[in-house]
Amino acid sequence: MRAVFSALVLCACQGAPPDLPTAEVVRGEFAVTHFEGGEVRAASGELVVSPRIGGRLKIVHLWPEGEQVDVGDLILQFDPAEFEREMLDREGQFEEAHSDFAKAKAEREQRLADIKRKIQQRQAELKLVALNQERQQFASTIDQEQWRINLAKTLRSVAEARQESIAQEVVNRVDFLNHELRIARRQERYERARRDYERTSVYAAKPGIVVYRKIWKPGTDEEGKVAVGDQVWGGRALLEIPDMSKMQVLCLIGEMDIEQVRVGQRAYIRLEAFPGPVFNGVVSELAPMASPQPGAPDIHVFELVIDIDEQDDRLKPGMSAEVEIVLETVPEALSVPLSALFKREDGLVA
């Protein structure tokens, strides 16, 4: 139901001039809304995080933001010089351990072969001594005694050679295990250095567009988008390849307004770059705790997430948006434009 009130008639009763503007009073649902600025982002996506490989990493290459990438494209490169040197050093030590192992193996085999030959020689001497046993029955007592001494000496030398062979085999096994352990340790260090070197190059694991994340810039109190030349610690989120099928708006809302907002409230989203379209959304997340506002640490704000219902190619991560949150609706209300309200001593009148 609509009723047209003439400001002329209202004011005529008070003796006002007849040329005042008029406004239309509308009956219907009235929405109480709250406006906030925000930034469009993807609800999910693949984060590209700096590897934890020790020390600060210098970025020397970045894939252009907003451009399409395919699986396998080099999207992020850290300075590899230090890690390449470490890898080459570890590779040299690994190869040296292999070379030492081969050399030690040859020496062990040679020592064992020498002992085997010594055993064969002692056994041959024992056979010669044994061949003279029958002759000893016709030999003198002195010769028989000398033969027995030679036999005992030869038997002892054969036994000693066999013991030496057994001992050498034990030494060889211990030496072999020590060299194997040394090789394994150096191989592990080389493999770790190689992996660290390879992790300085980051490739796209899925197709999409690249979005730069904001990081704290050294020497400043502000965040800025990641850039070539930045030095970062491991574990920092630097890039994102978003899933464009589901988009959101991230807003920061002040402490004075947070009590009015609840999860589940409807919202309308307008893009600064495209003033025409209005997208529908719903409040999906509300931070339980306040945090300092970037650039203004004395002001505390809450993070607010609005899920956008529609899928639209115009929705891009990082775009500025205005969000109108519906706080309350009043059915069958009479409403007039704000321009139709006038302030008097006793309050506002239409």
Protein backbone atom coordinates (compact mmCIF):
# COMPACT_ATOMS: atom_id res chain seq x y z
CA MET A 1 0.00 0.00 0.00
CA ARG A 2 1.39 3.35 -0.93
CA ALA A 3 0.38 6.79 0.32
CA VAL A 4 1.61 10.07 -1.07
CA PHE A 5 2.05 12.78 1.52
CA SER A 6 2.37 16.29 0.29
CA ALA A 7 4.85 18.34 2.19
CA LEU A 8 2.98 21.31 0.80
CA VAL A 9 -0.22 20.34 2.64
CA LEU A 10 1.64 19.50 5.85
CA CYS A 11 3.47 22.76 5.90
CA ALA A 12 0.44 24.80 4.83
CA CYS A 13 -1.13 24.00 8.17
CA GLN A 14 1.86 25.64 9.78
CA GLY A 15 1.86 28.58 7.43
CA ALA A 16 4.84 27.36 5.36
CA PRO A 17 5.29 28.39 1.73
CA PRO A 18 3.70 26.07 -0.88
CA ASP A 19 6.90 25.20 -2.85
CA LEU A 20 8.49 22.52 -0.61
CA PRO A 21 9.50 19.15 -2.23
CA THR A 22 7.48 16.00 -1.79
CA ALA A 23 8.52 12.39 -1.12
CA GLU A 24 6.79 9.04 -1.54
CA VAL A 25 6.07 6.92 1.50
CA VAL A 26 6.48 3.20 0.81
CA ARG A 27 4.97 0.33 2.76
CA GLY A 28 6.91 -2.93 2.70
CA GLU A 29 9.83 -4.82 4.20
CA PHE A 30 12.49 -2.48 5.55
CA ALA A 31 16.09 -3.69 5.98
CA VAL A 32 18.52 -2.33 8.56
CA THR A 33 21.96 -2.80 7.02
CA HIS A 34 25.62 -2.25 7.83
CA PHE A 35 28.29 -1.44 5.24
CA GLU A 36 31.92 -2.58 5.31
CA GLY A 37 34.74 -2.65 2.82
CA GLY A 38 36.48 -5.92 2.08
CA GLU A 39 38.63 -7.95 -0.25
CA VAL A 40 37.55 -10.81 -2.48
CA ARG A 41 39.36 -14.12 -1.99
CA ALA A 42 38.88 -17.78 -2.81
CA ALA A 43 37.29 -19.98 -0.17
CA SER A 44 39.98 -22.58 -0.75
CA GLY A 45 43.09 -23.09 -2.81
CA GLU A 46 46.65 -24.35 -2.84
CA LEU A 47 49.03 -22.35 -0.68
CA VAL A 48 52.66 -22.11 -1.77
CA VAL A 49 54.81 -22.02 1.35
CA SER A 50 58.53 -21.26 1.61
CA PRO A 51 60.45 -24.46 2.43
CA ARG A 52 62.05 -25.00 5.83
CA ILE A 53 65.61 -25.55 4.65
CA GLY A 54 67.52 -23.32 7.03
CA GLY A 55 68.08 -19.59 7.17
CA ARG A 56 66.37 -16.84 5.23
CA LEU A 57 65.62 -17.43 1.57
CA LYS A 58 65.93 -14.75 -1.09
CA ILE A 59 63.26 -14.71 -3.80
CA VAL A 60 64.79 -14.31 -7.27
CA HIS A 61 61.81 -15.20 -9.47
CA LEU A 62 58.01 -14.96 -9.21
CA TRP A 63 55.35 -15.94 -11.69
CA PRO A 64 53.37 -12.80 -12.67
CA GLU A 65 50.36 -12.29 -10.45
CA GLY A 66 47.00 -12.96 -12.05
CA GLU A 67 48.42 -14.98 -14.94
CA GLN A 68 47.42 -18.56 -15.71
CA VAL A 69 49.78 -21.38 -14.77
CA ASP A 70 49.81 -25.03 -15.76
CA VAL A 71 51.08 -28.01 -13.82
CA GLY A 72 54.89 -27.99 -13.81
CA ASP A 73 55.38 -24.24 -14.38
CA LEU A 74 58.13 -22.64 -12.28
CA ILE A 75 56.15 -20.20 -10.13
CA LEU A 76 58.70 -19.38 -7.40
CA GLN A 77 62.49 -19.51 -7.29
CA PHE A 78 64.76 -18.87 -4.32
CA ASP A 79 68.46 -18.11 -4.70
CA PRO A 80 69.97 -21.61 -5.06
CA ALA A 81 73.69 -20.71 -4.94
CA GLU A 82 74.35 -21.65 -1.30
CA PHE A 83 72.32 -24.85 -1.54
CA GLU A 84 74.01 -25.85 -4.80
CA ARG A 85 77.44 -25.49 -3.17
CA GLU A 86 76.32 -27.56 -0.21
CA MET A 87 74.91 -30.24 -2.50
CA LEU A 88 78.13 -30.44 -4.55
CA ASP A 89 80.25 -30.65 -1.38
CA ARG A 90 78.10 -33.46 0.00
CA GLU A 91 78.17 -35.24 -3.34
CA GLY A 92 81.99 -35.10 -3.35
CA GLN A 93 82.12 -36.52 0.19
CA PHE A 94 79.71 -39.28 -0.81
CA GLU A 95 81.82 -40.23 -3.83
CA GLU A 96 84.96 -40.09 -1.67
CA ALA A 97 83.40 -42.56 0.76
CA HIS A 98 82.62 -44.91 -2.14
CA SER A 99 86.21 -44.61 -3.38
CA ASP A 100 87.61 -45.28 0.11
CA PHE A 101 85.34 -48.29 0.42
CA ALA A 102 86.58 -49.77 -2.86
CA LYS A 103 90.22 -49.13 -1.90
CA ALA A 104 89.77 -50.63 1.57
CA LYS A 105 87.97 -53.63 0.09
CA ALA A 106 90.89 -54.33 -2.25
CA GLU A 107 93.35 -54.04 0.65
CA ARG A 108 91.29 -56.38 2.82
CA GLU A 109 91.06 -58.96 0.07
CA GLN A 110 94.80 -58.71 -0.56
CA ARG A 111 95.66 -59.24 3.13
CA LEU A 112 93.34 -62.23 3.32
CA ALA A 113 94.82 -63.69 0.12
CA ASP A 114 98.33 -63.33 1.57
CA ILE A 115 97.26 -65.20 4.68
CA LYS A 116 95.65 -67.94 2.58
CA ARG A 117 98.92 -68.38 0.68
CA LYS A 118 100.80 -68.54 3.98
CA ILE A 119 98.47 -71.32 5.16
CA GLN A 120 99.07 -73.23 1.93
CA GLN A 121 102.83 -72.85 2.39
CA ARG A 122 102.67 -74.07 5.99
CA GLN A 123 100.51 -77.02 4.96
CA ALA A 124 103.03 -77.90 2.23
CA GLU A 125 105.83 -77.77 4.81
CA LEU A 126 103.78 -80.03 7.08
CA LYS A 127 103.44 -82.59 4.30
CA LEU A 128 107.21 -82.60 3.75
CA VAL A 129 107.81 -83.14 7.44
CA ALA A 130 105.24 -85.96 7.49
CA LEU A 131 106.96 -87.69 4.51
CA ASN A 132 110.11 -88.06 6.62
CA GLN A 133 108.26 -89.87 9.39
CA GLU A 134 109.03 -93.41 8.09
CA ARG A 135 112.70 -92.59 7.77
CA GLN A 136 112.91 -91.62 11.42
CA GLN A 137 112.87 -95.27 12.55
CA PHE A 138 116.35 -95.67 11.11
CA ALA A 139 117.56 -92.22 12.17
CA SER A 140 119.62 -91.40 15.19
CA THR A 141 118.05 -90.24 18.39
CA ILE A 142 119.21 -86.69 17.74
CA ASP A 143 117.71 -86.71 14.23
CA GLN A 144 114.43 -88.11 15.55
CA GLU A 145 114.26 -85.41 18.19
CA GLN A 146 114.98 -82.74 15.60
CA TRP A 147 112.21 -84.16 13.39
CA ARG A 148 109.72 -84.00 16.25
CA ILE A 149 110.74 -80.40 16.94
CA ASN A 150 110.26 -79.52 13.25
CA LEU A 151 106.87 -81.26 13.20
CA ALA A 152 105.64 -79.37 16.25
CA LYS A 153 106.94 -76.11 14.85
CA THR A 154 105.24 -76.73 11.50
CA LEU A 155 101.93 -77.69 13.14
CA ARG A 156 102.10 -74.56 15.26
CA SER A 157 102.78 -72.35 12.22
CA VAL A 158 99.80 -73.91 10.37
CA ALA A 159 97.54 -73.27 13.37
CA GLU A 160 98.82 -69.71 13.72
CA ALA A 161 98.20 -69.05 10.02
CA ARG A 162 94.65 -70.36 10.34
CA GLN A 163 94.04 -68.18 13.42
CA GLU A 164 95.45 -65.21 11.56
CA SER A 165 93.03 -65.94 8.70
CA ILE A 166 90.07 -66.08 11.10
CA ALA A 167 91.14 -62.85 12.80
CA GLN A 168 91.59 -61.12 9.45
CA GLU A 169 88.11 -62.16 8.36
CA VAL A 170 86.70 -60.60 11.55
CA VAL A 171 88.68 -57.41 10.92
CA ASN A 172 87.45 -57.38 7.33
CA ARG A 173 83.81 -57.68 8.42
CA VAL A 174 84.15 -54.86 10.96
CA ASP A 175 85.97 -52.67 8.45
CA PHE A 176 83.31 -53.45 5.85
CA LEU A 177 80.49 -52.46 8.22
CA ASN A 178 82.27 -49.25 9.22
CA HIS A 179 82.71 -48.25 5.59
CA GLU A 180 79.08 -49.13 4.83
CA LEU A 181 77.94 -46.95 7.75
CA ARG A 182 80.14 -44.10 6.58
CA ILE A 183 78.73 -44.38 3.06
CA ALA A 184 75.15 -44.45 4.39
CA ARG A 185 75.72 -41.34 6.49
CA ARG A 186 77.29 -39.42 3.64
CA GLN A 187 74.58 -40.57 1.26
CA GLU A 188 71.92 -39.34 3.68
CA ARG A 189 73.65 -35.94 3.96
CA TYR A 190 73.98 -35.72 0.20
CA GLU A 191 70.33 -36.68 -0.37
CA ARG A 192 69.21 -34.07 2.17
CA ALA A 193 71.36 -31.39 0.52
CA ARG A 194 70.01 -32.40 -2.90
CA ARG A 195 66.42 -32.19 -1.66
CA ASP A 196 67.08 -28.76 -0.14
CA TYR A 197 68.56 -27.58 -3.43
CA GLU A 198 65.59 -28.92 -5.40
CA ARG A 199 63.16 -27.22 -2.99
CA THR A 200 64.54 -23.81 -3.94
CA SER A 201 62.54 -24.25 -7.16
CA VAL A 202 58.77 -24.38 -6.67
CA TYR A 203 56.54 -25.68 -9.46
CA ALA A 204 52.77 -25.46 -9.84
CA ALA A 205 51.01 -28.62 -8.68
CA LYS A 206 47.67 -27.61 -10.19
CA PRO A 207 46.45 -25.26 -12.92
CA GLY A 208 44.99 -21.87 -12.06
CA ILE A 209 46.00 -18.26 -11.55
CA VAL A 210 48.71 -17.05 -9.19
CA VAL A 211 47.80 -14.71 -6.35
CA TYR A 212 50.48 -13.02 -4.24
CA ARG A 213 50.09 -13.19 -0.46
CA LYS A 214 50.92 -10.33 1.88
CA ILE A 215 53.90 -10.65 4.21
CA TRP A 216 55.49 -8.41 6.81
CA LYS A 217 58.25 -6.42 5.17
CA PRO A 218 61.53 -6.21 7.16
CA GLY A 219 62.14 -2.78 8.63
CA THR A 220 58.47 -1.73 8.38
CA ASP A 221 55.33 -2.16 10.43
CA GLU A 222 53.18 -2.89 7.41
CA GLU A 223 52.30 -5.82 5.24
CA GLY A 224 52.92 -5.86 1.53
CA LYS A 225 52.59 -8.30 -1.32
CA VAL A 226 55.51 -10.65 -1.78
CA ALA A 227 58.05 -9.42 -4.34
CA VAL A 228 61.31 -10.42 -5.99
CA GLY A 229 64.18 -9.59 -3.64
CA ASP A 230 62.25 -10.34 -0.44
CA GLN A 231 64.06 -12.51 2.10
CA VAL A 232 61.75 -14.82 4.00
CA TRP A 233 61.98 -17.53 6.63
CA GLY A 234 60.75 -21.04 5.99
CA GLY A 235 57.10 -21.85 6.51
CA ARG A 236 55.71 -18.54 5.19
CA ALA A 237 52.72 -18.60 2.83
CA LEU A 238 53.84 -16.62 -0.23
CA LEU A 239 51.55 -17.53 -3.12
CA GLU A 240 48.15 -19.06 -3.63
CA ILE A 241 46.53 -20.84 -6.55
CA PRO A 242 42.87 -20.36 -5.62
CA ASP A 243 39.87 -22.54 -6.39
CA MET A 244 37.74 -20.03 -8.31
CA SER A 245 34.55 -22.09 -7.97
CA LYS A 246 33.79 -20.67 -4.51
CA MET A 247 34.59 -17.07 -3.59
CA GLN A 248 34.42 -15.06 -0.37
CA VAL A 249 34.88 -11.53 0.91
CA LEU A 250 37.12 -10.88 3.92
CA CYS A 251 36.16 -7.79 5.93
CA LEU A 252 37.47 -6.13 9.08
CA ILE A 253 34.71 -4.87 11.36
CA GLY A 254 35.17 -2.57 14.34
CA GLU A 255 34.53 -3.35 17.99
CA MET A 256 31.52 -1.02 18.11
CA ASP A 257 29.71 -2.88 15.32
CA ILE A 258 30.59 -6.49 16.05
CA GLU A 259 27.61 -7.06 18.39
CA GLN A 260 25.19 -6.45 15.52
CA VAL A 261 26.65 -9.06 13.19
CA ARG A 262 25.94 -12.79 13.41
CA VAL A 263 26.79 -15.85 11.36
CA GLY A 264 23.99 -16.62 8.91
CA GLN A 265 22.99 -13.03 8.13
CA ARG A 266 22.42 -12.23 4.47
CA ALA A 267 24.65 -9.79 2.65
CA TYR A 268 24.98 -8.02 -0.70
CA ILE A 269 28.35 -7.59 -2.38
CA ARG A 270 29.30 -4.90 -4.88
CA LEU A 271 32.64 -4.74 -6.68
CA GLU A 272 34.46 -1.44 -6.96
CA ALA A 273 35.72 -2.43 -10.40
CA PHE A 274 32.20 -3.33 -11.62
CA PRO A 275 29.63 -1.01 -9.99
CA GLY A 276 26.68 -2.64 -11.72
CA PRO A 277 26.30 -6.24 -10.50
CA VAL A 278 25.17 -7.06 -6.97
CA PHE A 279 26.09 -10.50 -5.63
CA ASN A 280 24.34 -12.35 -2.83
CA GLY A 281 26.13 -13.79 0.15
CA VAL A 282 25.90 -14.92 3.75
CA VAL A 283 28.05 -14.31 6.83
CA SER A 284 29.92 -17.60 7.32
CA GLU A 285 32.69 -16.79 9.81
CA LEU A 286 33.23 -14.28 12.58
CA ALA A 287 36.53 -14.17 14.44
CA PRO A 288 36.14 -14.89 18.18
CA MET A 289 38.91 -12.47 19.11
CA ALA A 290 39.91 -9.00 17.96
CA SER A 291 43.31 -8.23 16.47
CA PRO A 292 45.17 -4.96 15.79
CA GLN A 293 44.21 -3.33 12.52
CA PRO A 294 47.11 -3.36 10.01
CA GLY A 295 48.75 0.05 10.00
CA ALA A 296 46.81 1.16 13.10
CA PRO A 297 47.80 -1.06 16.05
CA ASP A 298 45.72 0.99 18.51
CA ILE A 299 42.51 0.03 16.69
CA HIS A 300 41.18 -3.48 17.18
CA VAL A 301 39.02 -5.20 14.58
CA PHE A 302 37.38 -8.56 13.97
CA GLU A 303 37.74 -10.62 10.80
CA LEU A 304 34.45 -11.29 9.06
CA VAL A 305 33.98 -13.71 6.13
CA ILE A 306 31.10 -13.51 3.65
CA ASP A 307 30.48 -16.50 1.35
CA ILE A 308 29.35 -15.42 -2.13
CA ASP A 309 26.49 -17.48 -3.56
CA GLU A 310 27.18 -16.91 -7.25
CA GLN A 311 30.00 -18.04 -9.52
CA ASP A 312 31.12 -15.26 -11.82
CA ASP A 313 34.25 -14.70 -13.91
CA ARG A 314 34.34 -11.11 -12.71
CA LEU A 315 35.08 -12.25 -9.16
CA LYS A 316 38.86 -12.24 -8.80
CA PRO A 317 40.99 -12.66 -5.66
CA GLY A 318 42.28 -9.36 -4.33
CA MET A 319 39.46 -7.20 -5.73
CA SER A 320 38.00 -4.50 -3.47
CA ALA A 321 34.37 -4.95 -2.56
CA GLU A 322 31.65 -3.24 -0.55
CA VAL A 323 29.55 -5.51 1.63
CA GLU A 324 26.06 -4.59 2.84
CA ILE A 325 25.08 -6.86 5.74
CA VAL A 326 21.39 -7.17 6.56
CA LEU A 327 21.23 -6.79 10.34
CA GLU A 328 17.46 -6.77 10.73
CA THR A 329 14.29 -6.67 8.62
CA VAL A 330 11.01 -5.00 9.57
CA PRO A 331 7.95 -6.32 7.67
CA GLU A 332 5.17 -3.96 6.55
CA ALA A 333 7.08 -0.84 7.55
CA LEU A 334 6.45 2.68 6.27
CA SER A 335 9.62 4.24 4.92
CA VAL A 336 10.69 7.47 3.22
CA PRO A 337 14.03 8.53 1.74
CA LEU A 338 16.51 10.15 4.12
CA SER A 339 16.35 13.26 1.96
CA ALA A 340 12.72 13.67 3.02
CA LEU A 341 13.57 14.00 6.72
CA PHE A 342 13.93 17.38 8.38
CA LYS A 343 15.31 18.17 11.79
CA ARG A 344 13.32 20.34 14.16
CA GLU A 345 13.65 21.17 17.81
CA ASP A 346 11.24 18.40 18.75
CA GLY A 347 12.89 15.76 16.50
CA LEU A 348 12.86 14.56 12.90
CA VAL A 349 9.81 15.09 10.72
CA ALA A 350 8.96 14.10 7.17
